[in-house]
């Protein structure tokens, strides 16, 4: 049975997510359901436990391009949580 929830996201993220969902021929609701199901059905205690490759595979569009020296996992985590504040 489906249930409704209300979520708030940055407007630019919503636009990108809608475009991605449209390309996948699914609704934004179903896209979120797939992502949340993937995260919650594995044995991840925190988001940091989820392998980065799984995140990339879930949201990737096309070929990856790396233009800079990769940051350490510790620095990426720190940057993520600082931006979340």
Protein backbone atom coordinates (compact mmCIF):
# COMPACT_ATOMS: atom_id res chain seq x y z
CA UNK A 1 0.00 0.00 0.00
CA UNK A 2 1.36 3.42 -0.92
CA UNK A 3 1.51 6.20 1.67
CA UNK A 4 2.30 9.87 1.13
CA UNK A 5 5.07 11.87 2.79
CA UNK A 6 6.30 15.42 2.36
CA UNK A 7 9.99 16.07 1.78
CA UNK A 8 11.89 19.31 1.21
CA UNK A 9 14.86 19.57 -1.15
CA UNK A 10 16.82 22.32 -2.83
CA UNK A 11 14.91 23.36 -5.97
CA UNK A 12 17.85 22.61 -8.27
CA UNK A 13 18.10 19.07 -6.90
CA UNK A 14 14.39 18.53 -7.51
CA UNK A 15 14.75 19.67 -11.14
CA UNK A 16 17.68 17.32 -11.72
CA UNK A 17 15.93 14.43 -9.99
CA UNK A 18 12.76 14.94 -12.05
CA UNK A 19 14.79 15.00 -15.26
CA UNK A 20 16.63 11.83 -14.24
CA UNK A 21 13.39 10.05 -13.31
CA UNK A 22 11.85 11.10 -16.63
CA UNK A 23 14.81 9.64 -18.53
CA UNK A 24 14.30 6.40 -16.60
CA UNK A 25 10.57 6.43 -17.43
CA UNK A 26 9.57 6.41 -13.77
CA UNK A 27 8.02 8.94 -11.45
CA UNK A 28 10.07 10.90 -8.96
CA UNK A 29 8.18 9.07 -6.21
CA UNK A 30 9.24 5.68 -7.57
CA UNK A 31 12.83 6.88 -7.98
CA UNK A 32 12.93 7.88 -4.32
CA UNK A 33 11.30 4.57 -3.38
CA UNK A 34 13.99 2.63 -5.27
CA UNK A 35 16.80 4.61 -3.64
CA UNK A 36 15.34 4.34 -0.13
CA UNK A 37 14.67 0.63 -0.59
CA UNK A 38 18.25 0.06 -1.75
CA UNK A 39 19.66 1.91 1.25
CA UNK A 40 17.39 0.34 3.86
CA UNK A 41 17.38 -3.25 2.61
CA UNK A 42 21.13 -3.72 3.01
CA UNK A 43 22.94 -3.93 6.31
CA UNK A 44 24.27 -0.39 6.40
CA UNK A 45 24.35 1.09 9.89
CA UNK A 46 25.06 4.57 8.51
CA UNK A 47 25.20 6.22 5.08
CA UNK A 48 28.98 6.22 5.36
CA UNK A 49 28.89 2.40 5.39
CA UNK A 50 27.27 2.29 1.97
CA UNK A 51 29.99 1.82 -0.66
CA UNK A 52 30.49 4.92 -2.78
CA UNK A 53 30.18 2.78 -5.90
CA UNK A 54 26.58 1.92 -4.93
CA UNK A 55 25.72 5.64 -4.64
CA UNK A 56 27.36 6.38 -7.98
CA UNK A 57 25.56 3.52 -9.72
CA UNK A 58 22.22 4.73 -8.36
CA UNK A 59 22.55 8.31 -9.59
CA UNK A 60 25.09 8.18 -12.46
CA UNK A 61 24.22 9.53 -15.87
CA UNK A 62 26.74 8.72 -18.57
CA UNK A 63 30.49 8.42 -18.32
CA UNK A 64 32.23 9.67 -15.17
CA UNK A 65 34.74 12.47 -15.62
CA UNK A 66 37.36 13.19 -12.97
CA UNK A 67 39.06 16.57 -13.24
CA UNK A 68 40.72 16.77 -9.86
CA UNK A 69 42.71 14.80 -7.35
CA UNK A 70 40.23 12.66 -5.40
CA UNK A 71 39.65 13.59 -1.76
CA UNK A 72 40.06 11.07 1.01
CA UNK A 73 36.94 9.33 2.30
CA UNK A 74 37.44 11.14 5.61
CA UNK A 75 37.55 14.55 3.88
CA UNK A 76 34.49 13.74 1.75
CA UNK A 77 32.57 12.79 4.89
CA UNK A 78 33.65 16.00 6.64
CA UNK A 79 32.65 18.13 3.62
CA UNK A 80 29.28 16.40 3.35
CA UNK A 81 28.34 16.99 6.97
CA UNK A 82 29.55 20.59 6.91
CA UNK A 83 27.31 21.32 3.90
CA UNK A 84 24.37 19.62 5.63
CA UNK A 85 24.38 22.14 8.49
